[in-house]
Amino acid sequence: MSQRMLPTLLVLGLAGLSSCSSPNSEKKVPERVRPITRQRQLVQVKGTFVSFGIQTFMRISCSAFEKQFSKARPFTIQDTARLQAIARRLAALQPDTAHLGVDARAKAVLFYSDRTHDTLCMDQFISVYRGRNLMADTLLYQLLGVRPKE
């Protein structure tokens, strides 16, 4: 390269650098768009239950259910139509303010497509779902295969 061209190249190079670093010349990068995901779906229910007629001296909490009823009958539900019906019933459960807490006779863990889970505990009069007291729903109990009145 000739000595005469060197200052010209240097000026052009610096001009190119300054245009890249100026805030007005930056290209707008589109915001990252979140992919559309499916709604959380119920994919499996696993649980255990005992006769709802069993009498105990104390109320059995959801957390104490397995310890108190170690020989409870297990159940698993994977049928898609039945799971959808269970999800609809869960969404329709009404709050219960008349009862203080559950005296658990059935416990179910509900597994969802987003790899999360919820717990549902039931007695003859009330259900506890996501930590809320809700009215018992006999159709939901039938879908789960637990029998509140034996």
C-alpha atoms as a PDB file:
ATOM      1  CA  MET A   1       0.000   0.000   0.000  1.00  0.00           C
ATOM      2  CA  SER A   2       1.177   3.467  -0.704  1.00  0.00           C
ATOM      3  CA  GLN A   3       1.821   5.978   2.010  1.00  0.00           C
ATOM      4  CA  ARG A   4      -0.720   8.361   0.456  1.00  0.00           C
ATOM      5  CA  MET A   5      -3.594   5.862   0.853  1.00  0.00           C
ATOM      6  CA  LEU A   6      -2.874   4.968   4.480  1.00  0.00           C
ATOM      7  CA  PRO A   7      -4.395   8.137   6.053  1.00  0.00           C
ATOM      8  CA  THR A   8      -7.466   7.765   3.836  1.00  0.00           C
ATOM      9  CA  LEU A   9      -7.999   4.158   4.925  1.00  0.00           C
ATOM     10  CA  LEU A  10      -7.486   5.128   8.547  1.00  0.00           C
ATOM     11  CA  VAL A  11     -10.112   7.882   8.311  1.00  0.00           C
ATOM     12  CA  LEU A  12     -12.564   5.557   6.574  1.00  0.00           C
ATOM     13  CA  GLY A  13     -11.959   2.865   9.178  1.00  0.00           C
ATOM     14  CA  LEU A  14     -12.565   5.274  12.062  1.00  0.00           C
ATOM     15  CA  ALA A  15     -15.685   6.615  10.386  1.00  0.00           C
ATOM     16  CA  GLY A  16     -16.983   3.077  10.079  1.00  0.00           C
ATOM     17  CA  LEU A  17     -16.300   2.393  13.769  1.00  0.00           C
ATOM     18  CA  SER A  18     -17.975   5.568  14.924  1.00  0.00           C
ATOM     19  CA  SER A  19     -21.109   4.837  12.921  1.00  0.00           C
ATOM     20  CA  CYS A  20     -21.325   1.371  14.485  1.00  0.00           C
ATOM     21  CA  SER A  21     -21.029   2.644  18.000  1.00  0.00           C
ATOM     22  CA  SER A  22     -23.478   5.529  17.765  1.00  0.00           C
ATOM     23  CA  PRO A  23     -26.804   4.811  19.460  1.00  0.00           C
ATOM     24  CA  ASN A  24     -28.809   6.056  16.501  1.00  0.00           C
ATOM     25  CA  SER A  25     -27.223   3.663  14.067  1.00  0.00           C
ATOM     26  CA  GLU A  26     -27.929   0.478  16.027  1.00  0.00           C
ATOM     27  CA  LYS A  27     -30.268  -1.885  14.333  1.00  0.00           C
ATOM     28  CA  LYS A  28     -33.442  -2.597  16.241  1.00  0.00           C
ATOM     29  CA  VAL A  29     -33.473  -6.206  17.328  1.00  0.00           C
ATOM     30  CA  PRO A  30     -37.008  -7.529  17.661  1.00  0.00           C
ATOM     31  CA  GLU A  31     -38.022  -8.556  21.152  1.00  0.00           C
ATOM     32  CA  ARG A  32     -37.861 -12.233  21.796  1.00  0.00           C
ATOM     33  CA  VAL A  33     -41.292 -13.653  21.191  1.00  0.00           C
ATOM     34  CA  ARG A  34     -42.467 -16.362  23.562  1.00  0.00           C
ATOM     35  CA  PRO A  35     -43.650 -19.445  21.787  1.00  0.00           C
ATOM     36  CA  ILE A  36     -47.313 -20.212  22.174  1.00  0.00           C
ATOM     37  CA  THR A  37     -47.598 -23.005  24.678  1.00  0.00           C
ATOM     38  CA  ARG A  38     -50.454 -25.314  25.336  1.00  0.00           C
ATOM     39  CA  GLN A  39     -52.600 -24.761  28.353  1.00  0.00           C
ATOM     40  CA  ARG A  40     -51.665 -26.839  31.376  1.00  0.00           C
ATOM     41  CA  GLN A  41     -53.439 -30.192  31.050  1.00  0.00           C
ATOM     42  CA  LEU A  42     -54.095 -32.921  33.571  1.00  0.00           C
ATOM     43  CA  VAL A  43     -52.112 -35.992  32.461  1.00  0.00           C
ATOM     44  CA  GLN A  44     -52.377 -38.387  35.412  1.00  0.00           C
ATOM     45  CA  VAL A  45     -53.973 -38.785  38.826  1.00  0.00           C
ATOM     46  CA  LYS A  46     -52.504 -41.066  41.482  1.00  0.00           C
ATOM     47  CA  GLY A  47     -54.015 -41.482  44.885  1.00  0.00           C
ATOM     48  CA  THR A  48     -55.262 -43.632  47.717  1.00  0.00           C
ATOM     49  CA  PHE A  49     -58.499 -43.877  49.654  1.00  0.00           C
ATOM     50  CA  VAL A  50     -60.136 -45.662  52.561  1.00  0.00           C
ATOM     51  CA  SER A  51     -63.763 -46.124  53.512  1.00  0.00           C
ATOM     52  CA  PHE A  52     -65.344 -42.761  54.215  1.00  0.00           C
ATOM     53  CA  GLY A  53     -67.197 -44.430  57.104  1.00  0.00           C
ATOM     54  CA  ILE A  54     -64.027 -45.028  59.163  1.00  0.00           C
ATOM     55  CA  GLN A  55     -64.217 -43.211  62.495  1.00  0.00           C
ATOM     56  CA  THR A  56     -61.114 -41.682  64.105  1.00  0.00           C
ATOM     57  CA  PHE A  57     -60.523 -39.859  67.390  1.00  0.00           C
ATOM     58  CA  MET A  58     -58.963 -36.879  65.635  1.00  0.00           C
ATOM     59  CA  ARG A  59     -59.374 -35.135  62.317  1.00  0.00           C
ATOM     60  CA  ILE A  60     -56.903 -36.562  59.768  1.00  0.00           C
ATOM     61  CA  SER A  61     -55.133 -33.799  57.880  1.00  0.00           C
ATOM     62  CA  CYS A  62     -54.039 -34.152  54.294  1.00  0.00           C
ATOM     63  CA  SER A  63     -50.383 -34.263  55.320  1.00  0.00           C
ATOM     64  CA  ALA A  64     -51.039 -37.064  57.849  1.00  0.00           C
ATOM     65  CA  PHE A  65     -53.168 -39.201  55.516  1.00  0.00           C
ATOM     66  CA  GLU A  66     -50.474 -41.682  54.401  1.00  0.00           C
ATOM     67  CA  LYS A  67     -49.173 -42.181  57.925  1.00  0.00           C
ATOM     68  CA  GLN A  68     -52.628 -42.748  59.392  1.00  0.00           C
ATOM     69  CA  PHE A  69     -53.900 -44.975  56.577  1.00  0.00           C
ATOM     70  CA  SER A  70     -50.860 -46.931  55.420  1.00  0.00           C
ATOM     71  CA  LYS A  71     -53.043 -49.685  53.927  1.00  0.00           C
ATOM     72  CA  ALA A  72     -55.247 -47.369  51.860  1.00  0.00           C
ATOM     73  CA  ARG A  73     -56.376 -48.607  48.435  1.00  0.00           C
ATOM     74  CA  PRO A  74     -54.392 -47.078  45.562  1.00  0.00           C
ATOM     75  CA  PHE A  75     -55.753 -45.811  42.259  1.00  0.00           C
ATOM     76  CA  THR A  76     -54.259 -44.374  39.072  1.00  0.00           C
ATOM     77  CA  ILE A  77     -56.101 -42.594  36.274  1.00  0.00           C
ATOM     78  CA  GLN A  78     -54.557 -42.014  32.849  1.00  0.00           C
ATOM     79  CA  ASP A  79     -57.591 -42.120  30.546  1.00  0.00           C
ATOM     80  CA  THR A  80     -57.685 -38.794  28.683  1.00  0.00           C
ATOM     81  CA  ALA A  81     -61.473 -38.413  28.594  1.00  0.00           C
ATOM     82  CA  ARG A  82     -61.762 -39.161  32.297  1.00  0.00           C
ATOM     83  CA  LEU A  83     -58.900 -36.764  33.112  1.00  0.00           C
ATOM     84  CA  GLN A  84     -60.623 -33.997  31.146  1.00  0.00           C
ATOM     85  CA  ALA A  85     -63.865 -34.626  33.037  1.00  0.00           C
ATOM     86  CA  ILE A  86     -61.960 -34.485  36.346  1.00  0.00           C
ATOM     87  CA  ALA A  87     -60.327 -31.193  35.316  1.00  0.00           C
ATOM     88  CA  ARG A  88     -63.743 -29.703  34.472  1.00  0.00           C
ATOM     89  CA  ARG A  89     -65.171 -30.785  37.843  1.00  0.00           C
ATOM     90  CA  LEU A  90     -62.165 -29.356  39.695  1.00  0.00           C
ATOM     91  CA  ALA A  91     -62.597 -26.016  37.941  1.00  0.00           C
ATOM     92  CA  ALA A  92     -66.258 -25.913  38.985  1.00  0.00           C
ATOM     93  CA  LEU A  93     -65.752 -26.650  42.702  1.00  0.00           C
ATOM     94  CA  GLN A  94     -67.398 -24.098  44.979  1.00  0.00           C
ATOM     95  CA  PRO A  95     -65.809 -22.658  48.148  1.00  0.00           C
ATOM     96  CA  ASP A  96     -66.894 -24.164  51.470  1.00  0.00           C
ATOM     97  CA  THR A  97     -66.966 -21.872  54.482  1.00  0.00           C
ATOM     98  CA  ALA A  98     -69.077 -24.106  56.731  1.00  0.00           C
ATOM     99  CA  HIS A  99     -66.350 -26.644  57.560  1.00  0.00           C
ATOM    100  CA  LEU A 100     -63.077 -25.923  59.316  1.00  0.00           C
ATOM    101  CA  GLY A 101     -60.931 -28.487  57.548  1.00  0.00           C
ATOM    102  CA  VAL A 102     -60.815 -31.845  55.902  1.00  0.00           C
ATOM    103  CA  ASP A 103     -60.945 -35.138  57.814  1.00  0.00           C
ATOM    104  CA  ALA A 104     -59.173 -36.898  54.940  1.00  0.00           C
ATOM    105  CA  ARG A 105     -60.352 -40.264  53.682  1.00  0.00           C
ATOM    106  CA  ALA A 106     -58.928 -39.913  50.176  1.00  0.00           C
ATOM    107  CA  LYS A 107     -55.901 -38.181  48.750  1.00  0.00           C
ATOM    108  CA  ALA A 108     -54.996 -37.652  45.104  1.00  0.00           C
ATOM    109  CA  VAL A 109     -51.969 -36.111  43.454  1.00  0.00           C
ATOM    110  CA  LEU A 110     -52.819 -34.524  40.116  1.00  0.00           C
ATOM    111  CA  PHE A 111     -49.975 -34.377  37.592  1.00  0.00           C
ATOM    112  CA  TYR A 112     -49.995 -31.787  34.800  1.00  0.00           C
ATOM    113  CA  SER A 113     -48.368 -31.474  31.377  1.00  0.00           C
ATOM    114  CA  ASP A 114     -46.067 -28.690  32.603  1.00  0.00           C
ATOM    115  CA  ARG A 115     -44.536 -31.126  35.120  1.00  0.00           C
ATOM    116  CA  THR A 116     -46.276 -29.553  38.105  1.00  0.00           C
ATOM    117  CA  HIS A 117     -48.694 -31.223  40.476  1.00  0.00           C
ATOM    118  CA  ASP A 118     -51.469 -30.370  42.917  1.00  0.00           C
ATOM    119  CA  THR A 119     -52.913 -32.281  45.841  1.00  0.00           C
ATOM    120  CA  LEU A 120     -56.590 -32.960  46.422  1.00  0.00           C
ATOM    121  CA  CYS A 121     -57.772 -34.309  49.786  1.00  0.00           C
ATOM    122  CA  MET A 122     -61.346 -35.377  50.380  1.00  0.00           C
ATOM    123  CA  ASP A 123     -63.751 -36.362  53.091  1.00  0.00           C
ATOM    124  CA  GLN A 124     -67.498 -36.879  52.963  1.00  0.00           C
ATOM    125  CA  PHE A 125     -68.318 -33.161  53.217  1.00  0.00           C
ATOM    126  CA  ILE A 126     -65.365 -31.176  51.933  1.00  0.00           C
ATOM    127  CA  SER A 127     -62.405 -31.225  49.549  1.00  0.00           C
ATOM    128  CA  VAL A 128     -59.153 -29.343  49.937  1.00  0.00           C
ATOM    129  CA  TYR A 129     -57.589 -28.377  46.620  1.00  0.00           C
ATOM    130  CA  ARG A 130     -54.635 -25.995  46.278  1.00  0.00           C
ATOM    131  CA  GLY A 131     -54.993 -25.229  49.971  1.00  0.00           C
ATOM    132  CA  ARG A 132     -58.612 -24.072  49.701  1.00  0.00           C
ATOM    133  CA  ASN A 133     -61.654 -25.644  51.337  1.00  0.00           C
ATOM    134  CA  LEU A 134     -64.191 -26.566  48.671  1.00  0.00           C
ATOM    135  CA  MET A 135     -67.565 -28.281  48.717  1.00  0.00           C
ATOM    136  CA  ALA A 136     -67.530 -32.030  48.142  1.00  0.00           C
ATOM    137  CA  ASP A 137     -68.610 -33.060  44.655  1.00  0.00           C
ATOM    138  CA  THR A 138     -70.035 -36.565  44.365  1.00  0.00           C
ATOM    139  CA  LEU A 139     -69.517 -36.653  40.590  1.00  0.00           C
ATOM    140  CA  LEU A 140     -65.825 -35.799  41.071  1.00  0.00           C
ATOM    141  CA  TYR A 141     -65.541 -38.543  43.688  1.00  0.00           C
ATOM    142  CA  GLN A 142     -67.125 -41.012  41.244  1.00  0.00           C
ATOM    143  CA  LEU A 143     -64.721 -39.980  38.472  1.00  0.00           C
ATOM    144  CA  LEU A 144     -61.807 -40.555  40.842  1.00  0.00           C
ATOM    145  CA  GLY A 145     -63.220 -43.914  41.928  1.00  0.00           C
ATOM    146  CA  VAL A 146     -63.420 -43.062  45.625  1.00  0.00           C
ATOM    147  CA  ARG A 147     -66.656 -43.840  47.401  1.00  0.00           C
ATOM    148  CA  PRO A 148     -67.761 -41.349  50.045  1.00  0.00           C
ATOM    149  CA  LYS A 149     -70.650 -43.499  51.287  1.00  0.00           C
ATOM    150  CA  GLU A 150     -70.027 -47.215  51.635  1.00  0.00           C
END
